[in-house]
């Protein structure tokens, strides 16, 4: 039996839109170069992202209205990040708070992976997230790995694109319904676009 169904076609179209949008942003903004990231650099930025679950149908859209990120460079090419979570759910004629929490991450930029004075820097972050879902009344903790590619456009601006596969553990009366299993664990992945603006020191 063929797996080509209207639902699968819609899922593939949604995924394609995410990928095309991110690629378009990269192509549109690649116009300058950078050298290296300075230790003691500190910056704030935006990190909108989307989580894609091909096995779950939902009539609502969830948006983090506080997609801020703060990174403190603890040494050259290594930094720690703090990211708040405050999600609004749109759908069914109702707009309401759905989730809130916090993510902490350790981020590494691979300075010599391509060329030290080149403006493209592969990077990877290991992140830990706590989240409370107000609608389902359950808590979750998650570990994720975030490989990506950073583009240093000038001393004050950085853009990173990547993916964030994760494994979460859900706790609460509705945790089994949220995960679709009896274990409380759920794997997922998504894509993100990180725009960093340096207010304190040069990034390179």
Protein backbone atom coordinates (compact mmCIF):
# COMPACT_ATOMS: atom_id res chain seq x y z
CA UNK A 1 0.00 0.00 0.00
CA UNK A 2 1.30 3.41 -0.88
CA UNK A 3 2.42 5.73 1.93
CA UNK A 4 1.58 8.81 -0.17
CA UNK A 5 -1.46 10.25 1.61
CA UNK A 6 -2.76 13.82 1.87
CA UNK A 7 -1.57 13.98 5.49
CA UNK A 8 1.97 12.88 4.57
CA UNK A 9 2.06 15.36 1.70
CA UNK A 10 1.07 18.21 4.06
CA UNK A 11 3.80 17.18 6.54
CA UNK A 12 6.42 17.13 3.81
CA UNK A 13 5.28 20.53 2.54
CA UNK A 14 5.53 22.02 6.06
CA UNK A 15 9.04 20.61 6.53
CA UNK A 16 10.09 21.89 3.12
CA UNK A 17 8.89 25.39 4.00
CA UNK A 18 11.04 25.41 7.14
CA UNK A 19 14.15 24.34 5.23
CA UNK A 20 13.60 26.72 2.32
CA UNK A 21 12.99 29.68 4.66
CA UNK A 22 16.23 29.10 6.54
CA UNK A 23 18.26 28.61 3.35
CA UNK A 24 16.79 31.81 1.90
CA UNK A 25 17.79 33.78 4.99
CA UNK A 26 21.36 32.46 4.74
CA UNK A 27 21.71 33.32 1.06
CA UNK A 28 20.12 36.74 1.53
CA UNK A 29 22.45 37.83 4.34
CA UNK A 30 25.85 36.37 3.38
CA UNK A 31 27.75 39.54 2.53
CA UNK A 32 30.70 40.03 4.87
CA UNK A 33 33.47 38.28 6.76
CA UNK A 34 34.82 37.85 10.28
CA UNK A 35 37.89 36.53 12.03
CA UNK A 36 37.71 35.09 15.52
CA UNK A 37 35.48 35.34 18.56
CA UNK A 38 36.98 37.15 21.50
CA UNK A 39 37.00 35.62 24.96
CA UNK A 40 34.91 37.61 27.44
CA UNK A 41 32.45 38.49 24.69
CA UNK A 42 28.87 38.78 25.95
CA UNK A 43 25.77 39.26 23.88
CA UNK A 44 22.00 38.99 23.75
CA UNK A 45 20.01 37.74 20.80
CA UNK A 46 16.86 36.12 19.48
CA UNK A 47 16.37 32.40 18.94
CA UNK A 48 13.02 31.63 17.30
CA UNK A 49 12.60 27.94 16.57
CA UNK A 50 10.04 25.43 15.44
CA UNK A 51 9.52 21.89 16.71
CA UNK A 52 8.45 19.40 14.08
CA UNK A 53 6.63 16.21 15.08
CA UNK A 54 5.56 14.16 12.03
CA UNK A 55 3.49 11.79 14.21
CA UNK A 56 1.29 14.37 15.93
CA UNK A 57 -1.63 16.27 14.46
CA UNK A 58 -2.56 19.55 16.10
CA UNK A 59 -4.93 22.38 15.24
CA UNK A 60 -2.97 24.90 17.31
CA UNK A 61 0.26 26.81 16.73
CA UNK A 62 2.67 27.40 19.62
CA UNK A 63 5.00 30.41 19.59
CA UNK A 64 7.62 31.36 22.18
CA UNK A 65 6.99 35.09 22.66
CA UNK A 66 10.26 35.45 24.63
CA UNK A 67 12.78 33.85 22.24
CA UNK A 68 15.66 35.72 23.87
CA UNK A 69 19.11 34.31 24.45
CA UNK A 70 22.01 35.56 26.55
CA UNK A 71 25.47 34.11 26.00
CA UNK A 72 28.51 34.73 28.14
CA UNK A 73 31.79 33.68 26.52
CA UNK A 74 33.70 31.88 29.28
CA UNK A 75 36.73 31.43 27.03
CA UNK A 76 37.55 31.84 23.37
CA UNK A 77 34.96 29.98 21.26
CA UNK A 78 33.12 28.54 24.29
CA UNK A 79 30.13 30.02 26.04
CA UNK A 80 27.13 29.40 28.29
CA UNK A 81 23.62 30.39 27.29
CA UNK A 82 20.39 31.16 29.15
CA UNK A 83 17.04 31.09 27.28
CA UNK A 84 13.57 31.75 28.75
CA UNK A 85 10.47 29.90 27.53
CA UNK A 86 7.06 31.59 27.45
CA UNK A 87 4.81 29.97 24.87
CA UNK A 88 1.44 31.13 23.58
CA UNK A 89 -0.90 28.68 21.88
CA UNK A 90 -3.01 29.94 18.99
CA UNK A 91 -5.86 27.85 17.59
CA UNK A 92 -9.50 26.99 17.93
CA UNK A 93 -10.38 30.63 18.45
CA UNK A 94 -8.49 30.73 21.76
CA UNK A 95 -5.12 32.31 22.52
CA UNK A 96 -3.62 31.25 25.83
CA UNK A 97 -0.38 30.59 27.69
CA UNK A 98 0.64 26.99 27.11
CA UNK A 99 4.20 26.59 28.42
CA UNK A 100 6.87 28.32 30.45
CA UNK A 101 10.33 27.28 31.54
CA UNK A 102 14.06 27.82 31.08
CA UNK A 103 16.92 26.38 29.02
CA UNK A 104 20.61 26.38 29.90
CA UNK A 105 23.21 25.43 27.31
CA UNK A 106 26.95 25.02 26.82
CA UNK A 107 28.01 26.14 23.36
CA UNK A 108 31.25 25.45 21.44
CA UNK A 109 32.33 27.11 18.17
CA UNK A 110 34.84 25.11 16.14
CA UNK A 111 37.29 27.86 15.23
CA UNK A 112 39.58 25.91 12.90
CA UNK A 113 37.04 23.55 11.30
CA UNK A 114 37.06 25.55 8.07
CA UNK A 115 39.66 28.32 8.48
CA UNK A 116 40.37 30.40 11.55
CA UNK A 117 39.85 33.77 9.92
CA UNK A 118 36.79 32.68 7.92
CA UNK A 119 33.32 34.02 8.77
CA UNK A 120 31.63 30.58 8.90
CA UNK A 121 31.97 28.67 12.19
CA UNK A 122 30.39 25.26 12.79
CA UNK A 123 29.18 24.95 16.36
CA UNK A 124 27.36 22.60 18.71
CA UNK A 125 25.49 23.14 21.98
CA UNK A 126 24.38 20.73 24.69
CA UNK A 127 21.19 22.00 26.34
CA UNK A 128 19.05 21.14 29.36
CA UNK A 129 15.45 22.38 29.47
CA UNK A 130 12.78 22.48 32.15
CA UNK A 131 9.26 23.16 30.92
CA UNK A 132 5.79 23.27 32.49
CA UNK A 133 2.78 22.78 30.24
CA UNK A 134 -0.10 24.77 31.72
CA UNK A 135 -2.76 23.24 29.48
CA UNK A 136 -1.81 19.60 30.07
CA UNK A 137 -0.61 20.28 33.64
CA UNK A 138 2.59 18.28 33.27
CA UNK A 139 6.28 18.99 33.77
CA UNK A 140 9.04 17.94 31.42
CA UNK A 141 12.82 17.93 31.38
CA UNK A 142 14.79 17.45 28.19
CA UNK A 143 18.32 17.01 26.95
CA UNK A 144 19.11 18.20 23.45
CA UNK A 145 22.06 18.50 21.11
CA UNK A 146 22.10 21.49 18.78
CA UNK A 147 24.53 21.24 15.87
CA UNK A 148 24.56 24.29 13.64
CA UNK A 149 26.54 26.71 11.51
CA UNK A 150 27.27 30.27 12.65
CA UNK A 151 27.84 33.22 10.33
CA UNK A 152 29.76 36.20 11.75
CA UNK A 153 28.68 39.16 9.64
CA UNK A 154 30.33 42.02 11.53
CA UNK A 155 31.65 42.76 15.05
CA UNK A 156 28.12 42.96 16.43
CA UNK A 157 26.00 40.46 14.55
CA UNK A 158 25.91 36.67 14.43
CA UNK A 159 23.45 34.27 12.85
CA UNK A 160 23.24 30.53 13.51
CA UNK A 161 21.02 27.93 11.85
CA UNK A 162 20.73 24.33 12.95
CA UNK A 163 18.64 21.45 14.27
CA UNK A 164 17.83 20.38 17.82
CA UNK A 165 17.15 16.65 18.32
CA UNK A 166 16.05 16.05 21.91
CA UNK A 167 14.91 13.44 24.41
CA UNK A 168 12.40 14.54 27.03
CA UNK A 169 10.91 12.98 30.15
CA UNK A 170 7.34 13.99 31.05
CA UNK A 171 5.95 13.97 34.60
CA UNK A 172 2.29 14.37 35.59
CA UNK A 173 -1.14 12.81 35.26
CA UNK A 174 -1.37 13.57 31.55
CA UNK A 175 2.27 12.73 30.78
CA UNK A 176 1.39 9.42 29.14
CA UNK A 177 -1.11 11.13 26.86
CA UNK A 178 1.46 13.81 25.98
CA UNK A 179 4.14 11.27 25.05
CA UNK A 180 1.91 8.58 23.59
CA UNK A 181 3.74 5.93 25.62
CA UNK A 182 3.80 4.47 29.12
CA UNK A 183 7.48 5.29 29.72
CA UNK A 184 7.16 9.06 29.95
CA UNK A 185 9.96 9.54 27.41
CA UNK A 186 9.54 11.23 24.07
CA UNK A 187 12.03 12.02 21.32
CA UNK A 188 11.66 15.00 19.06
CA UNK A 189 13.53 17.39 16.83
CA UNK A 190 13.17 20.82 15.36
CA UNK A 191 14.97 23.60 13.53
CA UNK A 192 16.14 26.96 14.81
CA UNK A 193 17.39 30.32 13.62
CA UNK A 194 19.53 32.24 16.12
CA UNK A 195 20.18 35.95 15.63
CA UNK A 196 22.76 37.33 18.08
CA UNK A 197 23.46 41.02 18.63
CA UNK A 198 26.48 42.00 20.70
CA UNK A 199 25.87 44.94 23.03
CA UNK A 200 28.94 44.60 25.23
CA UNK A 201 32.07 43.67 23.29
CA UNK A 202 33.16 42.61 19.83
CA UNK A 203 32.38 39.04 18.82
CA UNK A 204 35.67 38.58 16.98
